[in-house]
């Protein structure tokens, strides 16, 4: 797989989506490999962004039963019938740049003005709201009677899941210099909450109070662009994350001690920032997408199994694992379906202007992907 040359195939000026099978080799040829993996089922326009220059949509969809829930940069939030894209309801909120969370009959929506909304999942009626001080760009987590979330102001907050009333807040120090777009979400394991911050630290917070259990610096020797923006992944007694300056880390989840590190580096691209879209796992392998440097597959002992390049492909979203497939979205190039064992491209989809939001795949193989032009595409994934 050579994402670096697949960029030549992108039809950025085309008004219709294109998808291709096979791996683009040197010379630009496309060799078909097996059967088509994507069958377009329906599409739904959340906004008219065809005339905008370099639009971006970061919100991913969530599927519950036969309903797809999705926010957008337009400020509208939608509930659609998953089978055919018919509108169930819509609600004007503000710009949304993350996936919602469905919990029982409640829908939790974080917005770019820092509001956490609790809506009735059937009607969209508001139950409560909580106002934080920074954009919410990662999904909240429901744990017991708490909803816990992070925001772009380097805050972690916990509110009552039923009423939305404040429980506690933790604030990390934000560097004065520039930081990268994005922020780590929270991961909950028993009584601890793990998350990363723009000052290059990973912290474990006590769930009942928000106090620090431990904090570890992952910035290496960097004095800028050291953000820990990948939501931590917990497997066994380890917590895995990455910093833009330091690479991928494995830490002891009880103490925060670093067990190993895999740095991001490419001799051909020494100026690459290492902006990380996120980490996915199948329980045995970590998959990490990094701006300009591509996607890495790393085993749990810290060995790189494969890496595929993505020069000028744009900012990556978090990769998605489904069965034997790895789905990779790039803000310029679009979405790639790859073999997760080898990184080989099996199919490629370009809706025009790329894909900044992570795709959503259901257990039965329904795929939903939001284009930067504000169109949600529903595929059957074979």
Protein backbone atom coordinates (compact mmCIF):
# COMPACT_ATOMS: atom_id res chain seq x y z
CA UNK A 1 0.00 0.00 0.00
CA UNK A 2 1.33 3.42 -0.96
CA UNK A 3 -0.93 6.18 0.30
CA UNK A 4 1.78 8.61 -0.72
CA UNK A 5 1.07 7.89 -4.40
CA UNK A 6 -2.63 7.26 -3.97
CA UNK A 7 -2.94 11.01 -3.51
CA UNK A 8 -2.54 11.30 -7.29
CA UNK A 9 -5.88 9.53 -7.71
CA UNK A 10 -7.95 11.98 -5.70
CA UNK A 11 -10.55 13.86 -7.76
CA UNK A 12 -10.69 16.94 -5.57
CA UNK A 13 -12.50 19.00 -8.15
CA UNK A 14 -15.13 16.38 -8.89
CA UNK A 15 -18.71 16.90 -7.76
CA UNK A 16 -19.38 13.15 -7.56
CA UNK A 17 -17.77 10.63 -5.23
CA UNK A 18 -15.38 8.09 -6.66
CA UNK A 19 -14.12 4.84 -5.27
CA UNK A 20 -11.46 2.50 -6.56
CA UNK A 21 -10.23 -0.97 -5.76
CA UNK A 22 -6.67 -2.12 -5.49
CA UNK A 23 -3.33 -0.66 -4.59
CA UNK A 24 -1.90 2.30 -6.50
CA UNK A 25 1.65 1.32 -7.40
CA UNK A 26 4.38 3.52 -8.82
CA UNK A 27 3.15 4.71 -12.18
CA UNK A 28 -0.39 5.31 -10.95
CA UNK A 29 -2.04 2.06 -12.14
CA UNK A 30 -4.89 0.52 -10.17
CA UNK A 31 -5.03 -3.25 -9.98
CA UNK A 32 -8.43 -4.68 -8.94
CA UNK A 33 -8.20 -6.98 -5.94
CA UNK A 34 -11.15 -9.32 -5.30
CA UNK A 35 -14.71 -8.09 -5.06
CA UNK A 36 -15.96 -4.60 -4.35
CA UNK A 37 -16.14 -3.91 -0.61
CA UNK A 38 -18.37 -0.80 -0.74
CA UNK A 39 -21.98 -0.62 -1.94
CA UNK A 40 -23.52 2.86 -1.70
CA UNK A 41 -26.92 2.60 -0.04
CA UNK A 42 -27.96 6.24 0.40
CA UNK A 43 -26.60 9.72 1.14
CA UNK A 44 -27.89 12.71 3.11
CA UNK A 45 -26.74 16.35 2.84
CA UNK A 46 -26.42 18.02 6.24
CA UNK A 47 -25.48 21.36 4.64
CA UNK A 48 -24.66 22.93 1.27
CA UNK A 49 -20.86 23.35 1.33
CA UNK A 50 -20.14 22.87 -2.38
CA UNK A 51 -18.99 26.46 -2.89
CA UNK A 52 -16.78 26.64 0.21
CA UNK A 53 -13.00 26.48 -0.05
CA UNK A 54 -11.49 23.61 1.97
CA UNK A 55 -14.51 22.84 4.18
CA UNK A 56 -14.09 20.38 7.06
CA UNK A 57 -16.51 18.22 9.03
CA UNK A 58 -15.16 16.41 12.10
CA UNK A 59 -18.33 14.86 13.54
CA UNK A 60 -18.72 11.08 13.31
CA UNK A 61 -22.07 9.31 13.31
CA UNK A 62 -23.43 6.94 15.96
CA UNK A 63 -25.93 4.19 15.16
CA UNK A 64 -28.50 2.92 17.65
CA UNK A 65 -31.02 0.42 16.31
CA UNK A 66 -32.37 1.84 13.06
CA UNK A 67 -31.36 5.43 13.86
CA UNK A 68 -28.22 7.30 12.85
CA UNK A 69 -27.34 10.32 15.00
CA UNK A 70 -25.03 12.97 13.57
CA UNK A 71 -24.03 16.57 14.20
CA UNK A 72 -22.39 18.95 11.74
CA UNK A 73 -20.48 22.20 11.43
CA UNK A 74 -23.72 23.78 10.18
CA UNK A 75 -25.08 23.76 13.74
CA UNK A 76 -27.83 21.23 12.97
CA UNK A 77 -28.08 17.86 14.66
CA UNK A 78 -29.87 15.04 12.83
CA UNK A 79 -31.57 11.75 13.63
CA UNK A 80 -31.95 9.69 10.44
CA UNK A 81 -33.44 6.30 9.66
CA UNK A 82 -30.42 4.03 9.18
CA UNK A 83 -32.12 1.88 6.56
CA UNK A 84 -32.90 4.65 4.07
CA UNK A 85 -31.63 8.03 5.37
CA UNK A 86 -35.14 9.43 6.01
CA UNK A 87 -35.21 12.29 8.53
CA UNK A 88 -36.62 11.33 11.92
CA UNK A 89 -35.96 14.70 13.57
CA UNK A 90 -33.46 17.52 13.55
CA UNK A 91 -32.51 20.13 16.11
CA UNK A 92 -30.60 23.40 15.89
CA UNK A 93 -27.73 23.30 18.36
CA UNK A 94 -24.32 24.81 17.53
CA UNK A 95 -21.41 23.42 15.54
CA UNK A 96 -20.62 19.80 16.41
CA UNK A 97 -17.18 18.25 15.83
CA UNK A 98 -17.49 14.89 17.56
CA UNK A 99 -19.66 11.80 17.78
CA UNK A 100 -22.63 11.80 20.17
CA UNK A 101 -23.17 9.11 22.80
CA UNK A 102 -26.40 7.14 23.25
CA UNK A 103 -27.08 6.03 26.82
CA UNK A 104 -30.47 4.48 27.47
CA UNK A 105 -33.00 6.95 26.10
CA UNK A 106 -30.58 9.85 26.39
CA UNK A 107 -28.37 11.35 23.68
CA UNK A 108 -25.24 13.25 24.80
CA UNK A 109 -23.93 15.85 22.35
CA UNK A 110 -20.78 17.94 22.82
CA UNK A 111 -20.61 21.18 20.87
CA UNK A 112 -17.89 23.52 19.65
CA UNK A 113 -19.02 26.29 22.01
CA UNK A 114 -18.30 24.04 25.01
CA UNK A 115 -21.87 22.94 25.73
CA UNK A 116 -22.71 19.38 26.69
CA UNK A 117 -26.34 18.68 25.77
CA UNK A 118 -28.52 15.82 26.97
CA UNK A 119 -31.35 15.20 24.50
CA UNK A 120 -34.20 12.73 24.33
CA UNK A 121 -33.03 10.23 21.72
CA UNK A 122 -36.54 9.73 20.33
CA UNK A 123 -37.60 13.37 19.97
CA UNK A 124 -34.52 15.58 20.35
CA UNK A 125 -36.10 17.42 23.29
CA UNK A 126 -33.52 18.91 25.64
CA UNK A 127 -33.22 17.31 29.09
CA UNK A 128 -30.33 19.39 30.44
CA UNK A 129 -27.19 21.26 29.42
CA UNK A 130 -23.83 21.97 31.00
CA UNK A 131 -21.60 24.83 29.84
CA UNK A 132 -17.84 24.29 29.89
CA UNK A 133 -15.12 26.71 28.84
CA UNK A 134 -13.72 25.03 25.74
CA UNK A 135 -14.89 23.23 22.60
CA UNK A 136 -15.87 19.60 23.17
CA UNK A 137 -14.32 17.62 20.33
CA UNK A 138 -14.27 14.10 21.79
CA UNK A 139 -17.26 11.99 22.89
CA UNK A 140 -18.19 12.05 26.58
CA UNK A 141 -18.16 8.82 28.61
CA UNK A 142 -20.99 7.62 30.84
CA UNK A 143 -19.69 5.77 33.89
CA UNK A 144 -22.08 4.93 36.71
CA UNK A 145 -23.99 8.09 37.63
CA UNK A 146 -21.43 10.39 35.97
CA UNK A 147 -20.83 11.82 32.53
CA UNK A 148 -17.14 12.65 32.09
CA UNK A 149 -15.68 14.63 29.19
CA UNK A 150 -12.65 16.66 28.15
CA UNK A 151 -12.48 19.90 26.19
CA UNK A 152 -10.00 21.97 24.18
CA UNK A 153 -9.25 24.17 27.23
CA UNK A 154 -7.40 21.22 28.83
CA UNK A 155 -10.25 20.62 31.26
CA UNK A 156 -11.85 17.36 32.34
CA UNK A 157 -15.31 17.69 33.88
CA UNK A 158 -17.75 15.29 35.52
CA UNK A 159 -21.48 16.01 35.77
CA UNK A 160 -24.46 14.09 37.10
CA UNK A 161 -25.83 11.83 34.35
CA UNK A 162 -29.46 12.46 35.32
CA UNK A 163 -29.45 16.20 36.04
CA UNK A 164 -26.27 17.56 34.42
CA UNK A 165 -25.22 19.18 37.70
CA UNK A 166 -21.52 19.82 38.27
CA UNK A 167 -19.59 17.17 40.23
CA UNK A 168 -15.91 18.01 39.74
CA UNK A 169 -13.37 19.49 37.32
CA UNK A 170 -9.67 19.07 36.67
CA UNK A 171 -7.66 21.70 34.76
CA UNK A 172 -4.22 21.06 33.31
CA UNK A 173 -1.75 23.81 32.47
CA UNK A 174 -1.99 24.86 28.81
CA UNK A 175 1.25 25.91 27.06
CA UNK A 176 1.48 29.54 25.98
CA UNK A 177 2.86 28.59 22.58
CA UNK A 178 0.83 27.13 19.73
CA UNK A 179 -0.76 23.73 20.19
CA UNK A 180 -2.12 21.30 17.64
CA UNK A 181 -5.82 21.08 16.82
CA UNK A 182 -7.64 18.37 18.70
CA UNK A 183 -7.63 16.93 22.18
CA UNK A 184 -7.61 13.51 23.80
CA UNK A 185 -10.89 12.10 25.01
CA UNK A 186 -11.26 10.23 28.30
CA UNK A 187 -10.93 6.49 28.92
CA UNK A 188 -12.38 4.96 32.08
CA UNK A 189 -11.01 1.84 33.77
CA UNK A 190 -12.45 0.89 37.16
CA UNK A 191 -11.87 3.89 39.48
CA UNK A 192 -9.47 5.80 37.22
CA UNK A 193 -9.98 8.12 34.26
CA UNK A 194 -7.14 8.49 31.76
CA UNK A 195 -6.62 11.38 29.36
CA UNK A 196 -3.90 13.47 27.71
CA UNK A 197 -3.22 17.20 27.59
CA UNK A 198 -1.62 19.75 25.27
CA UNK A 199 1.37 20.22 27.62
CA UNK A 200 2.51 16.69 26.77
CA UNK A 201 1.29 14.86 29.86
CA UNK A 202 -0.89 11.80 30.34
CA UNK A 203 -2.81 11.75 33.60
CA UNK A 204 -4.86 9.30 35.63
CA UNK A 205 -7.66 10.96 37.62
CA UNK A 206 -9.70 9.43 40.43
CA UNK A 207 -13.25 8.98 39.19
CA UNK A 208 -14.99 10.03 42.40
CA UNK A 209 -13.12 13.32 42.94
CA UNK A 210 -11.11 14.21 39.81
CA UNK A 211 -7.91 14.33 41.85
CA UNK A 212 -4.61 13.19 40.33
CA UNK A 213 -3.56 9.59 40.86
CA UNK A 214 -0.48 10.04 38.65
CA UNK A 215 0.80 12.21 35.79
CA UNK A 216 3.58 11.38 33.31
CA UNK A 217 5.28 13.67 30.79
CA UNK A 218 5.44 12.25 27.26
CA UNK A 219 6.82 15.31 25.49
CA UNK A 220 10.40 14.03 25.16
CA UNK A 221 12.80 16.86 24.38
CA UNK A 222 10.20 19.01 22.61
CA UNK A 223 9.24 22.50 23.73
CA UNK A 224 6.29 22.88 21.35
CA UNK A 225 3.80 20.68 19.46
CA UNK A 226 4.03 18.13 22.27
CA UNK A 227 0.28 17.49 22.59
CA UNK A 228 -1.06 14.16 23.82
CA UNK A 229 -4.15 14.21 21.62
CA UNK A 230 -4.87 10.50 21.18
CA UNK A 231 -7.54 9.13 23.49
CA UNK A 232 -5.83 6.47 25.65
CA UNK A 233 -6.42 2.78 24.93
CA UNK A 234 -6.40 0.35 27.86
CA UNK A 235 -5.44 -3.31 27.36
CA UNK A 236 -4.67 -5.48 30.37
CA UNK A 237 -2.36 -3.66 32.78
CA UNK A 238 -1.16 -1.15 30.18
CA UNK A 239 -2.45 2.14 28.90
CA UNK A 240 -1.39 3.16 25.38
CA UNK A 241 -1.36 6.67 23.95
CA UNK A 242 0.81 8.96 21.84
CA UNK A 243 2.28 12.43 21.89
CA UNK A 244 2.94 14.41 18.74
CA UNK A 245 6.59 14.88 19.73
CA UNK A 246 7.32 11.55 21.40
CA UNK A 247 5.46 8.87 19.44
CA UNK A 248 3.49 5.93 20.82
CA UNK A 249 3.87 5.01 24.50
CA UNK A 250 2.94 2.04 26.66
CA UNK A 251 2.59 2.87 30.36
CA UNK A 252 1.75 0.93 33.48
CA UNK A 253 -1.87 1.88 34.12
CA UNK A 254 -1.47 1.79 37.91
CA UNK A 255 1.69 3.90 38.20
CA UNK A 256 2.20 5.76 34.91
CA UNK A 257 5.70 4.30 34.44
CA UNK A 258 6.72 4.18 30.76
CA UNK A 259 7.28 0.60 29.57
CA UNK A 260 8.24 1.36 25.97
CA UNK A 261 8.11 4.06 23.32
CA UNK A 262 8.02 4.02 19.52
CA UNK A 263 9.00 7.45 18.11
CA UNK A 264 7.50 8.95 14.96
CA UNK A 265 10.20 9.84 12.48
CA UNK A 266 10.91 9.75 8.76
CA UNK A 267 14.27 10.70 7.30
CA UNK A 268 12.50 12.05 4.21
CA UNK A 269 10.19 14.28 6.28
CA UNK A 270 12.12 15.63 9.28
CA UNK A 271 9.76 18.60 9.63
CA UNK A 272 6.58 16.52 10.02
CA UNK A 273 4.67 17.49 13.18
CA UNK A 274 3.43 14.03 14.11
CA UNK A 275 -0.16 15.23 14.62
CA UNK A 276 -1.99 12.04 15.62
CA UNK A 277 -5.55 11.31 14.58
CA UNK A 278 -6.00 8.63 17.22
CA UNK A 279 -5.33 5.03 18.15
CA UNK A 280 -7.42 1.96 17.32
CA UNK A 281 -6.85 -1.61 18.42
CA UNK A 282 -8.02 -5.16 17.77
CA UNK A 283 -6.71 -6.20 21.18
CA UNK A 284 -3.38 -7.45 19.81
CA UNK A 285 -2.18 -4.60 17.59
CA UNK A 286 -2.27 -0.80 17.86
CA UNK A 287 -3.10 1.20 14.72
CA UNK A 288 -1.98 4.84 14.76
CA UNK A 289 -2.51 7.43 12.01
CA UNK A 290 -0.04 10.32 11.94
CA UNK A 291 -0.16 13.42 9.72
CA UNK A 292 2.24 13.15 6.75
CA UNK A 293 3.98 10.10 8.22
CA UNK A 294 1.15 7.64 7.55
CA UNK A 295 -0.40 4.78 9.53
CA UNK A 296 1.56 2.47 11.83
CA UNK A 297 0.69 -1.03 13.02
CA UNK A 298 2.50 -1.73 16.32
CA UNK A 299 2.26 -4.86 18.44
CA UNK A 300 1.77 -4.66 22.21
CA UNK A 301 5.50 -5.16 22.78
CA UNK A 302 6.33 -2.00 20.80
CA UNK A 303 7.43 -3.60 17.51
CA UNK A 304 6.41 -1.87 14.25
CA UNK A 305 4.70 -4.47 12.06
CA UNK A 306 4.17 -2.19 9.08
CA UNK A 307 3.88 1.46 8.13
CA UNK A 308 2.28 3.04 5.06
CA UNK A 309 3.01 6.61 4.02
CA UNK A 310 0.52 9.42 3.57
CA UNK A 311 2.53 12.45 2.46
CA UNK A 312 0.26 15.46 1.82
CA UNK A 313 -2.80 13.30 2.51
CA UNK A 314 -3.94 15.74 5.17
CA UNK A 315 -4.88 15.50 8.81
CA UNK A 316 -5.87 11.95 9.82
CA UNK A 317 -8.94 10.89 11.75
CA UNK A 318 -8.77 8.03 14.22
CA UNK A 319 -8.47 4.74 12.31
CA UNK A 320 -11.28 2.20 12.64
CA UNK A 321 -10.92 -1.59 12.91
CA UNK A 322 -13.66 -3.86 11.53
CA UNK A 323 -13.01 -7.57 11.15
CA UNK A 324 -9.96 -7.90 8.87
CA UNK A 325 -10.24 -4.30 7.64
CA UNK A 326 -8.67 -1.03 8.76
CA UNK A 327 -10.46 2.17 7.69
CA UNK A 328 -8.25 5.24 7.33
CA UNK A 329 -9.67 8.74 6.72
CA UNK A 330 -7.52 11.67 5.57
CA UNK A 331 -8.71 15.27 5.35
CA UNK A 332 -7.36 15.74 1.81
CA UNK A 333 -7.34 12.30 0.27
CA UNK A 334 -10.56 10.63 1.45
CA UNK A 335 -11.12 7.18 2.95
CA UNK A 336 -9.06 4.01 2.45
CA UNK A 337 -10.05 0.42 3.23
CA UNK A 338 -6.92 -1.55 4.03
CA UNK A 339 -6.03 -5.06 5.12
CA UNK A 340 -5.21 -4.60 8.80
CA UNK A 341 -2.63 -7.41 8.68
CA UNK A 342 -0.51 -5.85 5.93
CA UNK A 343 -1.69 -2.27 5.33
CA UNK A 344 -2.47 -3.09 1.69
CA UNK A 345 -5.19 -0.91 0.17
CA UNK A 346 -8.29 -2.86 -0.85
CA UNK A 347 -10.58 0.01 -1.81
CA UNK A 348 -10.55 3.80 -1.85
CA UNK A 349 -13.37 6.37 -1.64
CA UNK A 350 -13.09 10.07 -2.49
CA UNK A 351 -16.20 12.18 -1.93
CA UNK A 352 -14.36 15.37 -2.97
CA UNK A 353 -12.55 17.61 -0.45
CA UNK A 354 -11.58 14.61 1.66
CA UNK A 355 -12.80 13.08 4.92
CA UNK A 356 -11.88 14.54 8.33
CA UNK A 357 -14.30 12.52 10.48
CA UNK A 358 -13.66 8.95 11.55
CA UNK A 359 -15.97 6.49 9.76
CA UNK A 360 -18.56 4.52 11.73
CA UNK A 361 -19.06 0.79 11.17
CA UNK A 362 -21.78 -1.31 12.79
CA UNK A 363 -21.36 -4.95 13.77
CA UNK A 364 -23.36 -6.09 10.74
CA UNK A 365 -21.23 -4.12 8.28
CA UNK A 366 -23.10 -0.87 7.73
CA UNK A 367 -20.61 1.96 7.11
CA UNK A 368 -21.38 5.66 7.59
CA UNK A 369 -18.87 8.33 6.60
CA UNK A 370 -19.22 12.12 6.63
CA UNK A 371 -17.49 14.05 3.85
CA UNK A 372 -15.95 17.48 4.34
CA UNK A 373 -18.71 18.80 2.07
CA UNK A 374 -21.27 17.88 4.74
CA UNK A 375 -22.72 14.78 3.06
CA UNK A 376 -23.25 11.60 5.04
CA UNK A 377 -22.74 8.45 2.91
CA UNK A 378 -24.24 5.11 3.95
CA UNK A 379 -22.58 2.00 2.55
CA UNK A 380 -23.04 -1.71 2.95
CA UNK A 381 -19.58 -3.08 3.71
CA UNK A 382 -18.98 -6.55 2.26
